[in-house]
């Protein structure tokens, strides 16, 4: 046999389209050609495969070798095609039996010694394999380091290997003991240690606002002088959030897998991403010639913390507008589009002025013009999409020297979890994700509450988006109180959390 066909997967955003790896051996001058729109990493497979075969004791055919990666119009990148190319050469040259190769899919990068190195996107490829169009999912052979993440897909048949020799022995061995063994997911204990809210002294209003934000998945910006505790509060926010569902955990793990950053030890731990303010727009939302997810996608189902918000380039911050609304980001390139999930919870922190001590006449020397220019780095449309804007005041010395008297994260998280369960039972999602029709159904106000909100909207000149976001925050406050309906006091508290930054 001089032709062998194996199955593998490419990556296109969160999708993993099937790729046929066709290996043909022909007479003629010895050569090794790879076609099918390969990038540099794939073209370099020739040297890795040649060395791995020779160091594994196999014969490298002294013939004209042509490898076709079909479909030809789909870009191929990374070293994941090393393993199927090597197996295709061995099968086409008769060095291993090829009768069962069509029952499997293959992915893995080869070292020169024949070791299998981990690849990116193993979880996304396993998802795609389970949803194969022919309705007959194949087994998946891949590097041992990727086995845990790939096995998270229910009912997926995962057969990990450490070397090329192990894979070849699986197809050539008559002894079942020499065959690869199916891998089962080994999920770790999902109890995680977070910094405790009890460590934060004072700041009761900020703590209350963060509790409301956690209950309804609302975005929030903390505004206060340096050293007031904004970052300290944000770092403890993860301990308040409800536990991740299995679906959320799989979605988050799949995104992490695309960058090679998946860690089974963090299974069901909500991501916490805190990019530096020098990050570019591509780093934040994703991109590249072959698009990869950015920080907002890596924070999917978790927290995106932007410290020193005005120090980010304004054009970088503007790219957050659409994802904050839609929970997804579409990256368009000339050849194709890539779609990534980006349902993150934004926590931002900033100083009120360039020096940070606005309102303290003995310390602040900022002019009105410089304060407005500094605050103006955050555009009105972006600020309009942030649900809650909270002042974090400087701590007096007496409070700092006093013993901590706040609630622990566990106590607050218990109330948050109960409120979140109410939302799931009522509407099947967090309050922040309600759309206009659902807001009308689940966030109805009585006459007093409606009049209070209308007055605030006219006086503060809010947009329709701000009106709806206040309603959703009020719904979260009512859920924390266990109230079936939104009362005027819930609306009043929500209004206090929505004072525009320009009015401070």
Protein backbone atom coordinates (compact mmCIF):
# COMPACT_ATOMS: atom_id res chain seq x y z
CA UNK A 1 0.00 0.00 0.00
CA UNK A 2 1.42 3.41 -0.99
CA UNK A 3 -1.47 5.59 0.24
CA UNK A 4 -2.70 6.12 3.80
CA UNK A 5 -5.43 8.45 5.07
CA UNK A 6 -5.73 9.49 8.73
CA UNK A 7 -8.02 11.91 10.56
CA UNK A 8 -6.96 14.92 12.57
CA UNK A 9 -8.32 18.38 13.47
CA UNK A 10 -7.43 21.98 12.75
CA UNK A 11 -8.37 24.92 14.98
CA UNK A 12 -10.52 27.83 13.78
CA UNK A 13 -11.51 29.82 16.84
CA UNK A 14 -13.54 27.55 19.09
CA UNK A 15 -14.25 25.22 16.17
CA UNK A 16 -12.08 22.27 15.19
CA UNK A 17 -12.87 21.23 11.60
CA UNK A 18 -11.84 17.77 10.47
CA UNK A 19 -8.63 17.40 8.45
CA UNK A 20 -7.76 14.40 6.29
CA UNK A 21 -4.03 13.67 6.42
CA UNK A 22 -3.31 11.88 3.14
CA UNK A 23 0.18 10.36 2.73
CA UNK A 24 1.27 9.06 -0.68
CA UNK A 25 4.53 7.29 -1.53
CA UNK A 26 5.60 7.31 -5.19
CA UNK A 27 8.63 6.37 -7.22
CA UNK A 28 11.05 9.10 -8.16
CA UNK A 29 13.74 11.22 -6.61
CA UNK A 30 13.47 11.22 -2.79
CA UNK A 31 11.52 14.23 -1.52
CA UNK A 32 9.12 15.18 1.29
CA UNK A 33 6.39 17.66 0.37
CA UNK A 34 3.50 18.94 2.52
CA UNK A 35 0.61 20.67 0.75
CA UNK A 36 -2.79 21.94 1.89
CA UNK A 37 -2.10 25.50 3.10
CA UNK A 38 0.42 24.62 5.87
CA UNK A 39 2.12 27.37 7.82
CA UNK A 40 5.76 27.32 8.90
CA UNK A 41 5.17 25.12 11.95
CA UNK A 42 3.50 22.47 9.79
CA UNK A 43 6.17 22.62 7.10
CA UNK A 44 8.81 22.01 9.75
CA UNK A 45 7.10 18.69 10.51
CA UNK A 46 9.22 17.14 7.77
CA UNK A 47 12.39 17.36 9.84
CA UNK A 48 10.73 16.38 13.12
CA UNK A 49 9.00 13.37 11.58
CA UNK A 50 12.13 12.22 9.75
CA UNK A 51 14.24 12.31 12.93
CA UNK A 52 11.51 10.71 15.08
CA UNK A 53 11.13 7.78 12.68
CA UNK A 54 14.86 7.18 12.42
CA UNK A 55 15.42 7.42 16.19
CA UNK A 56 12.49 5.07 16.75
CA UNK A 57 14.12 2.37 14.65
CA UNK A 58 11.85 2.74 11.61
CA UNK A 59 12.89 3.11 8.00
CA UNK A 60 12.36 6.49 6.38
CA UNK A 61 11.15 5.59 2.85
CA UNK A 62 13.65 6.67 0.23
CA UNK A 63 10.84 7.67 -2.09
CA UNK A 64 8.81 10.67 -3.16
CA UNK A 65 6.57 11.46 -0.15
CA UNK A 66 3.56 13.75 -0.59
CA UNK A 67 1.42 14.74 2.40
CA UNK A 68 -1.89 16.46 1.64
CA UNK A 69 -3.83 18.19 4.43
CA UNK A 70 -7.40 18.44 3.18
CA UNK A 71 -9.44 20.57 2.80
CA UNK A 72 -6.83 22.60 0.95
CA UNK A 73 -8.44 26.02 1.62
CA UNK A 74 -8.34 25.65 5.43
CA UNK A 75 -5.18 27.12 7.04
CA UNK A 76 -3.19 24.56 9.08
CA UNK A 77 -0.95 25.62 11.95
CA UNK A 78 1.02 24.17 14.91
CA UNK A 79 2.82 20.85 15.26
CA UNK A 80 -0.29 18.75 16.02
CA UNK A 81 -0.06 17.09 12.59
CA UNK A 82 3.34 15.47 13.33
CA UNK A 83 1.81 12.27 14.73
CA UNK A 84 -0.70 11.57 11.91
CA UNK A 85 1.94 12.37 9.28
CA UNK A 86 4.42 9.94 10.87
CA UNK A 87 1.79 7.21 11.18
CA UNK A 88 0.68 7.80 7.61
CA UNK A 89 4.23 7.28 6.34
CA UNK A 90 4.58 4.09 8.37
CA UNK A 91 1.23 2.75 7.16
CA UNK A 92 1.83 3.67 3.52
CA UNK A 93 5.24 1.96 3.61
CA UNK A 94 3.81 -1.16 5.29
CA UNK A 95 5.75 -0.81 8.55
CA UNK A 96 2.55 -0.81 10.65
CA UNK A 97 -0.88 -2.26 9.77
CA UNK A 98 -3.29 0.39 8.55
CA UNK A 99 -6.58 -1.48 8.84
CA UNK A 100 -7.74 0.21 12.06
CA UNK A 101 -6.41 3.72 11.50
CA UNK A 102 -9.81 4.97 10.29
CA UNK A 103 -11.28 4.23 13.73
CA UNK A 104 -9.17 6.94 15.37
CA UNK A 105 -8.25 10.58 15.19
CA UNK A 106 -4.69 11.68 15.91
CA UNK A 107 -2.94 14.80 17.16
CA UNK A 108 0.48 15.30 18.68
CA UNK A 109 3.78 17.09 18.22
CA UNK A 110 6.86 14.89 17.94
CA UNK A 111 10.26 15.54 19.43
CA UNK A 112 13.32 14.39 17.51
CA UNK A 113 13.53 11.35 19.77
CA UNK A 114 9.90 10.36 19.12
CA UNK A 115 8.40 11.69 22.36
CA UNK A 116 4.90 13.18 22.13
CA UNK A 117 4.69 16.77 23.27
CA UNK A 118 1.45 18.50 24.37
CA UNK A 119 -0.64 20.48 21.92
CA UNK A 120 -3.06 23.38 22.10
CA UNK A 121 -6.81 22.94 21.76
CA UNK A 122 -7.14 19.27 22.73
CA UNK A 123 -10.46 19.93 24.46
CA UNK A 124 -11.90 21.84 21.49
CA UNK A 125 -10.84 19.04 19.15
CA UNK A 126 -12.46 16.41 21.37
CA UNK A 127 -15.71 18.40 21.41
CA UNK A 128 -15.69 18.52 17.61
CA UNK A 129 -14.89 14.82 17.36
CA UNK A 130 -17.93 13.97 19.50
CA UNK A 131 -20.12 16.10 17.23
CA UNK A 132 -18.80 14.51 14.03
CA UNK A 133 -21.16 14.73 11.08
CA UNK A 134 -21.28 10.98 10.41
CA UNK A 135 -22.68 10.33 13.88
CA UNK A 136 -19.94 7.81 14.66
CA UNK A 137 -17.38 9.45 16.92
CA UNK A 138 -13.92 8.00 16.65
CA UNK A 139 -11.43 7.36 19.41
CA UNK A 140 -8.74 9.99 19.94
CA UNK A 141 -5.01 9.28 20.31
CA UNK A 142 -3.06 12.24 21.65
CA UNK A 143 -0.16 13.11 24.00
CA UNK A 144 -0.38 11.99 27.60
CA UNK A 145 -0.10 15.60 28.83
CA UNK A 146 -3.41 16.45 27.11
CA UNK A 147 -5.33 13.40 28.32
CA UNK A 148 -6.98 14.96 31.37
CA UNK A 149 -8.47 17.92 29.50
CA UNK A 150 -9.62 15.83 26.51
CA UNK A 151 -11.29 13.29 28.81
CA UNK A 152 -13.51 16.01 30.29
CA UNK A 153 -15.81 15.55 27.28
CA UNK A 154 -18.45 13.03 28.30
CA UNK A 155 -18.14 9.60 26.64
CA UNK A 156 -15.05 10.59 24.64
CA UNK A 157 -12.73 7.63 23.99
CA UNK A 158 -9.28 9.03 24.81
CA UNK A 159 -6.13 6.93 24.37
CA UNK A 160 -3.03 8.86 25.52
CA UNK A 161 0.52 7.95 24.56
CA UNK A 162 3.96 9.20 25.55
CA UNK A 163 5.90 8.17 22.45
CA UNK A 164 5.46 7.32 18.80
CA UNK A 165 6.58 3.77 19.57
CA UNK A 166 3.64 3.30 21.97
CA UNK A 167 1.19 4.38 19.28
CA UNK A 168 2.73 2.01 16.73
CA UNK A 169 2.67 -0.84 19.26
CA UNK A 170 -1.04 -0.20 19.81
CA UNK A 171 -1.77 -1.06 16.16
CA UNK A 172 0.86 -3.79 15.72
CA UNK A 173 0.65 -5.66 19.04
CA UNK A 174 -1.27 -8.89 19.36
CA UNK A 175 -1.04 -8.79 23.15
CA UNK A 176 -3.85 -6.57 24.60
CA UNK A 177 -1.48 -5.53 27.40
CA UNK A 178 0.68 -3.70 24.86
CA UNK A 179 -2.26 -1.66 23.54
CA UNK A 180 -3.00 1.87 24.71
CA UNK A 181 -5.44 2.09 27.61
CA UNK A 182 -8.52 4.28 27.58
CA UNK A 183 -8.14 7.32 29.83
CA UNK A 184 -10.73 8.49 32.35
CA UNK A 185 -10.88 12.05 33.61
CA UNK A 186 -9.39 12.53 37.06
CA UNK A 187 -11.03 15.67 38.38
CA UNK A 188 -9.46 17.30 41.45
CA UNK A 189 -11.23 18.48 44.56
CA UNK A 190 -13.03 21.70 43.70
CA UNK A 191 -12.48 23.41 47.06
CA UNK A 192 -10.36 26.51 46.42
CA UNK A 193 -8.80 28.92 48.86
CA UNK A 194 -9.46 32.62 48.15
CA UNK A 195 -8.30 35.66 50.13
CA UNK A 196 -10.94 36.38 52.76
CA UNK A 197 -13.22 39.42 52.84
CA UNK A 198 -12.76 39.47 56.61
CA UNK A 199 -9.24 40.82 56.06
CA UNK A 200 -10.66 44.10 54.71
CA UNK A 201 -11.31 46.62 57.46
CA UNK A 202 -14.15 49.08 57.03
CA UNK A 203 -15.41 49.78 53.47
CA UNK A 204 -18.89 48.46 54.24
CA UNK A 205 -20.50 50.19 51.27
CA UNK A 206 -17.92 48.79 48.85
CA UNK A 207 -18.32 45.30 50.33
CA UNK A 208 -22.09 45.53 50.01
CA UNK A 209 -21.76 46.66 46.38
CA UNK A 210 -19.47 43.74 45.58
CA UNK A 211 -21.96 41.36 47.17
CA UNK A 212 -24.70 42.72 44.91
CA UNK A 213 -22.39 42.50 41.89
CA UNK A 214 -21.55 38.87 42.69
CA UNK A 215 -25.21 37.94 43.14
CA UNK A 216 -26.28 39.25 39.72
CA UNK A 217 -23.02 39.01 37.70
CA UNK A 218 -22.87 42.81 37.39
CA UNK A 219 -19.85 44.83 36.26
CA UNK A 220 -18.47 47.36 38.72
CA UNK A 221 -15.89 50.13 38.91
CA UNK A 222 -14.21 51.09 42.20
CA UNK A 223 -13.15 54.74 42.47
CA UNK A 224 -10.95 55.93 45.29
CA UNK A 225 -7.56 57.29 46.35
CA UNK A 226 -4.38 55.20 46.39
CA UNK A 227 -4.23 52.70 49.24
CA UNK A 228 -7.98 52.75 49.93
CA UNK A 229 -8.25 49.00 49.31
CA UNK A 230 -9.63 48.81 45.75
CA UNK A 231 -7.24 46.09 44.61
CA UNK A 232 -7.58 44.26 47.91
CA UNK A 233 -11.34 44.11 47.46
CA UNK A 234 -11.09 42.98 43.83
CA UNK A 235 -8.71 40.14 44.67
CA UNK A 236 -11.26 38.78 47.15
CA UNK A 237 -14.20 39.02 44.79
CA UNK A 238 -13.73 35.50 43.40
CA UNK A 239 -14.53 34.00 46.79
CA UNK A 240 -18.05 35.46 46.62
CA UNK A 241 -19.10 34.02 43.27
CA UNK A 242 -21.42 31.01 42.95
CA UNK A 243 -19.74 27.69 42.07
CA UNK A 244 -19.26 27.01 38.38
CA UNK A 245 -21.66 24.63 36.69
CA UNK A 246 -20.29 21.73 34.63
CA UNK A 247 -21.22 23.54 31.41
CA UNK A 248 -19.45 26.74 32.48
CA UNK A 249 -16.39 24.78 33.58
CA UNK A 250 -16.19 23.01 30.20
CA UNK A 251 -16.56 26.27 28.28
CA UNK A 252 -13.87 27.94 30.35
CA UNK A 253 -11.54 24.95 30.06
CA UNK A 254 -12.04 24.85 26.27
CA UNK A 255 -10.91 28.47 25.94
CA UNK A 256 -7.90 27.87 28.18
CA UNK A 257 -7.06 24.84 26.05
CA UNK A 258 -6.77 27.01 22.93
CA UNK A 259 -3.75 28.77 24.45
CA UNK A 260 -2.23 25.68 26.03
CA UNK A 261 -2.96 27.13 29.46
CA UNK A 262 -5.44 24.54 30.76
CA UNK A 263 -4.60 23.17 34.19
CA UNK A 264 -6.70 20.29 35.50
CA UNK A 265 -5.96 21.49 39.03
CA UNK A 266 -8.06 24.60 38.33
CA UNK A 267 -11.11 22.66 37.20
CA UNK A 268 -14.21 24.67 38.20
CA UNK A 269 -12.13 27.56 39.49
CA UNK A 270 -13.38 30.80 38.00
CA UNK A 271 -10.65 32.51 35.94
CA UNK A 272 -9.17 35.74 37.23
CA UNK A 273 -7.37 37.79 34.58
CA UNK A 274 -5.60 41.05 35.43
CA UNK A 275 -3.78 42.41 32.34
CA UNK A 276 -1.36 45.31 32.78
CA UNK A 277 -2.47 48.71 31.55
CA UNK A 278 0.12 48.55 28.75
CA UNK A 279 -1.84 45.70 27.10
CA UNK A 280 -2.79 46.22 23.46
CA UNK A 281 -6.24 45.85 21.96
CA UNK A 282 -5.26 42.52 20.38
CA UNK A 283 -4.02 41.24 23.74
CA UNK A 284 -7.32 42.21 25.32
CA UNK A 285 -9.84 40.88 22.77
CA UNK A 286 -7.69 38.40 20.82
CA UNK A 287 -6.33 38.32 17.31
CA UNK A 288 -3.34 37.39 15.22
CA UNK A 289 -3.04 36.02 11.70
CA UNK A 290 -4.46 32.80 13.11
CA UNK A 291 -6.83 34.30 15.72
CA UNK A 292 -6.34 33.29 19.32
CA UNK A 293 -8.42 34.31 22.34
CA UNK A 294 -7.52 37.42 24.30
CA UNK A 295 -7.90 38.34 27.95
CA UNK A 296 -11.66 38.84 27.77
CA UNK A 297 -12.13 35.30 26.44
CA UNK A 298 -9.64 33.80 28.88
CA UNK A 299 -11.77 35.43 31.60
CA UNK A 300 -14.93 33.71 30.26
CA UNK A 301 -17.20 32.71 33.19
CA UNK A 302 -14.77 34.50 35.49
CA UNK A 303 -13.36 37.92 36.37
CA UNK A 304 -11.55 40.51 34.26
CA UNK A 305 -9.83 42.96 36.61
CA UNK A 306 -8.60 46.19 35.03
CA UNK A 307 -6.58 48.11 37.61
CA UNK A 308 -5.69 51.77 36.95
CA UNK A 309 -8.39 51.89 34.29
CA UNK A 310 -7.63 55.40 32.90
CA UNK A 311 -4.01 54.37 32.28
CA UNK A 312 -5.15 51.95 29.54
CA UNK A 313 -5.04 53.37 26.05
CA UNK A 314 -8.49 54.75 25.27
CA UNK A 315 -8.67 52.86 21.96
CA UNK A 316 -7.93 49.65 23.87
CA UNK A 317 -10.77 50.27 26.31
CA UNK A 318 -13.24 50.96 23.50
CA UNK A 319 -12.92 47.38 22.24
CA UNK A 320 -14.72 46.28 25.41
CA UNK A 321 -18.01 47.86 24.38
CA UNK A 322 -19.43 45.05 22.24
CA UNK A 323 -18.28 42.12 24.43
CA UNK A 324 -19.78 43.73 27.54
CA UNK A 325 -23.15 43.67 25.75
CA UNK A 326 -23.04 40.44 23.78
CA UNK A 327 -20.75 38.17 25.79
CA UNK A 328 -18.92 37.14 22.59
CA UNK A 329 -16.20 38.50 20.33
CA UNK A 330 -15.87 37.87 16.60
CA UNK A 331 -12.40 38.39 15.11
CA UNK A 332 -12.50 38.88 11.35
CA UNK A 333 -9.61 38.24 9.01
CA UNK A 334 -9.47 38.25 5.22
CA UNK A 335 -9.65 34.46 4.95
CA UNK A 336 -12.02 33.60 7.79
CA UNK A 337 -13.72 34.64 11.03
CA UNK A 338 -13.18 33.27 14.51
CA UNK A 339 -15.79 33.49 17.24
CA UNK A 340 -14.85 33.29 20.93
CA UNK A 341 -17.01 33.44 24.08
CA UNK A 342 -16.38 36.44 26.34
CA UNK A 343 -18.97 36.43 29.12
CA UNK A 344 -16.75 37.92 31.80
CA UNK A 345 -17.47 39.97 34.90
CA UNK A 346 -15.64 43.28 34.73
CA UNK A 347 -14.11 44.68 37.92
CA UNK A 348 -12.28 47.97 37.32
CA UNK A 349 -10.42 50.28 39.67
CA UNK A 350 -9.24 53.87 39.24
CA UNK A 351 -8.18 57.00 41.07
CA UNK A 352 -10.55 60.00 40.97
CA UNK A 353 -7.86 62.35 39.60
CA UNK A 354 -4.25 62.22 38.31
CA UNK A 355 -2.74 62.52 41.79
CA UNK A 356 -5.43 60.32 43.33
CA UNK A 357 -6.40 62.62 46.22
CA UNK A 358 -9.32 64.56 44.78
CA UNK A 359 -11.26 66.37 47.51
CA UNK A 360 -8.32 66.52 49.93
CA UNK A 361 -7.39 70.19 49.66
CA UNK A 362 -4.15 69.73 51.59
CA UNK A 363 -2.88 67.08 49.16
CA UNK A 364 -4.59 67.50 45.78
CA UNK A 365 -3.30 70.21 43.43
CA UNK A 366 -5.10 68.96 40.31
CA UNK A 367 -6.97 71.59 38.32
CA UNK A 368 -10.58 71.10 37.26
CA UNK A 369 -9.40 70.77 33.66
CA UNK A 370 -6.86 68.06 34.50
CA UNK A 371 -9.45 66.11 36.53
CA UNK A 372 -11.95 66.22 33.67
CA UNK A 373 -9.28 65.24 31.18
CA UNK A 374 -8.20 62.32 33.38
CA UNK A 375 -11.74 61.05 33.92
CA UNK A 376 -12.48 61.63 30.24
CA UNK A 377 -10.08 58.85 29.30
CA UNK A 378 -13.03 56.57 30.02
CA UNK A 379 -15.61 57.31 27.35
CA UNK A 380 -19.28 57.82 28.13
CA UNK A 381 -20.43 54.81 26.06
CA UNK A 382 -18.07 52.49 27.94
CA UNK A 383 -19.00 53.93 31.34
CA UNK A 384 -22.68 53.54 30.42
CA UNK A 385 -22.11 49.78 30.07
CA UNK A 386 -20.66 49.41 33.59
CA UNK A 387 -23.51 48.59 35.96
CA UNK A 388 -22.17 49.94 39.24
CA UNK A 389 -19.84 52.83 40.13
CA UNK A 390 -18.68 52.83 43.74
CA UNK A 391 -16.63 55.24 45.80
CA UNK A 392 -13.99 53.65 48.01
CA UNK A 393 -13.02 56.22 50.61
CA UNK A 394 -9.62 56.50 52.28
CA UNK A 395 -9.42 54.66 55.58
CA UNK A 396 -8.96 56.76 58.75
CA UNK A 397 -6.07 55.70 61.03
CA UNK A 398 -8.48 54.63 63.78
CA UNK A 399 -10.11 52.09 61.48
CA UNK A 400 -6.78 50.68 60.37
CA UNK A 401 -5.64 50.04 63.93
CA UNK A 402 -8.96 48.50 64.98
CA UNK A 403 -9.63 44.77 64.81
CA UNK A 404 -11.28 43.44 61.66
CA UNK A 405 -15.04 43.27 62.15
CA UNK A 406 -16.30 42.34 58.69
CA UNK A 407 -18.01 39.17 57.52
CA UNK A 408 -16.01 36.35 56.05
CA UNK A 409 -16.18 35.51 52.35
CA UNK A 410 -17.93 32.24 53.20
CA UNK A 411 -20.82 34.05 54.90
CA UNK A 412 -21.29 36.49 52.03
CA UNK A 413 -20.91 33.72 49.43
CA UNK A 414 -23.72 31.79 51.11
CA UNK A 415 -26.14 34.69 50.61
CA UNK A 416 -24.92 35.17 47.05
CA UNK A 417 -25.48 31.48 46.26
CA UNK A 418 -29.06 31.62 47.59
CA UNK A 419 -29.80 34.73 45.52
CA UNK A 420 -28.31 33.12 42.43
CA UNK A 421 -30.43 30.02 42.90
CA UNK A 422 -33.53 32.24 42.98
CA UNK A 423 -32.49 33.71 39.63
CA UNK A 424 -31.92 30.29 38.08
CA UNK A 425 -35.31 29.07 39.29
CA UNK A 426 -37.08 32.19 38.01
CA UNK A 427 -35.37 32.87 34.68
CA UNK A 428 -32.58 30.32 34.20
CA UNK A 429 -29.77 32.90 34.12
CA UNK A 430 -28.10 35.67 36.12
CA UNK A 431 -29.88 39.03 36.27
CA UNK A 432 -27.14 40.74 34.27
CA UNK A 433 -27.90 38.52 31.26
CA UNK A 434 -31.60 39.42 31.06
CA UNK A 435 -32.72 40.91 27.74
CA UNK A 436 -35.33 43.63 27.30
CA UNK A 437 -38.37 41.35 27.18
CA UNK A 438 -37.19 39.42 30.23
CA UNK A 439 -36.55 42.66 32.13
CA UNK A 440 -40.17 43.68 31.55
CA UNK A 441 -41.32 40.31 32.91
CA UNK A 442 -39.04 39.84 35.92
CA UNK A 443 -38.14 43.42 36.99
CA UNK A 444 -41.55 45.03 37.37
CA UNK A 445 -41.87 47.96 39.80
CA UNK A 446 -44.77 49.30 41.81
CA UNK A 447 -45.92 52.90 41.32
CA UNK A 448 -43.61 54.31 44.01
CA UNK A 449 -40.56 52.50 42.68
CA UNK A 450 -41.37 53.49 39.09
CA UNK A 451 -41.71 57.17 40.06
CA UNK A 452 -38.43 57.06 41.99
CA UNK A 453 -36.56 55.58 39.03
CA UNK A 454 -38.09 58.01 36.53
CA UNK A 455 -37.11 60.97 38.69
CA UNK A 456 -33.53 59.72 38.95
CA UNK A 457 -33.38 59.08 35.22
CA UNK A 458 -34.52 62.62 34.36
CA UNK A 459 -32.31 64.30 36.95
CA UNK A 460 -29.18 62.32 36.13
CA UNK A 461 -29.94 62.22 32.38
CA UNK A 462 -29.54 58.48 32.08
CA UNK A 463 -29.79 56.53 28.86
CA UNK A 464 -32.25 53.69 28.23
CA UNK A 465 -29.36 51.27 28.80
CA UNK A 466 -28.69 52.80 32.22
CA UNK A 467 -32.39 52.52 33.07
CA UNK A 468 -32.41 48.80 32.31
CA UNK A 469 -29.15 48.19 34.16
CA UNK A 470 -30.48 49.87 37.30
CA UNK A 471 -33.53 47.61 37.09
CA UNK A 472 -31.32 44.53 36.92
CA UNK A 473 -29.21 45.69 39.87
CA UNK A 474 -32.40 46.36 41.86
CA UNK A 475 -33.58 42.84 41.01
CA UNK A 476 -30.32 41.45 42.43
CA UNK A 477 -30.74 43.49 45.62
CA UNK A 478 -34.26 42.11 46.01
CA UNK A 479 -32.99 38.56 45.46
CA UNK A 480 -30.41 39.01 48.22
CA UNK A 481 -33.24 40.07 50.49
CA UNK A 482 -35.34 37.09 49.41
CA UNK A 483 -38.09 39.44 48.17
CA UNK A 484 -40.33 38.21 45.32
CA UNK A 485 -40.89 41.79 44.06
CA UNK A 486 -38.65 44.85 43.74
CA UNK A 487 -39.48 47.33 46.49
CA UNK A 488 -38.74 51.11 46.45
CA UNK A 489 -35.83 50.64 48.87
CA UNK A 490 -34.23 48.21 46.43
CA UNK A 491 -34.56 50.77 43.64
CA UNK A 492 -33.11 53.51 45.85
CA UNK A 493 -30.06 51.40 46.68
CA UNK A 494 -29.54 50.54 43.01
CA UNK A 495 -29.68 54.23 42.07
CA UNK A 496 -26.90 54.97 44.58
CA UNK A 497 -24.72 52.45 42.79
CA UNK A 498 -25.28 54.13 39.42
CA UNK A 499 -24.13 57.70 39.99
CA UNK A 500 -22.19 58.77 36.93
CA UNK A 501 -18.46 59.27 37.33
CA UNK A 502 -18.73 62.73 35.75
CA UNK A 503 -20.96 63.85 38.64
CA UNK A 504 -18.63 62.86 41.46
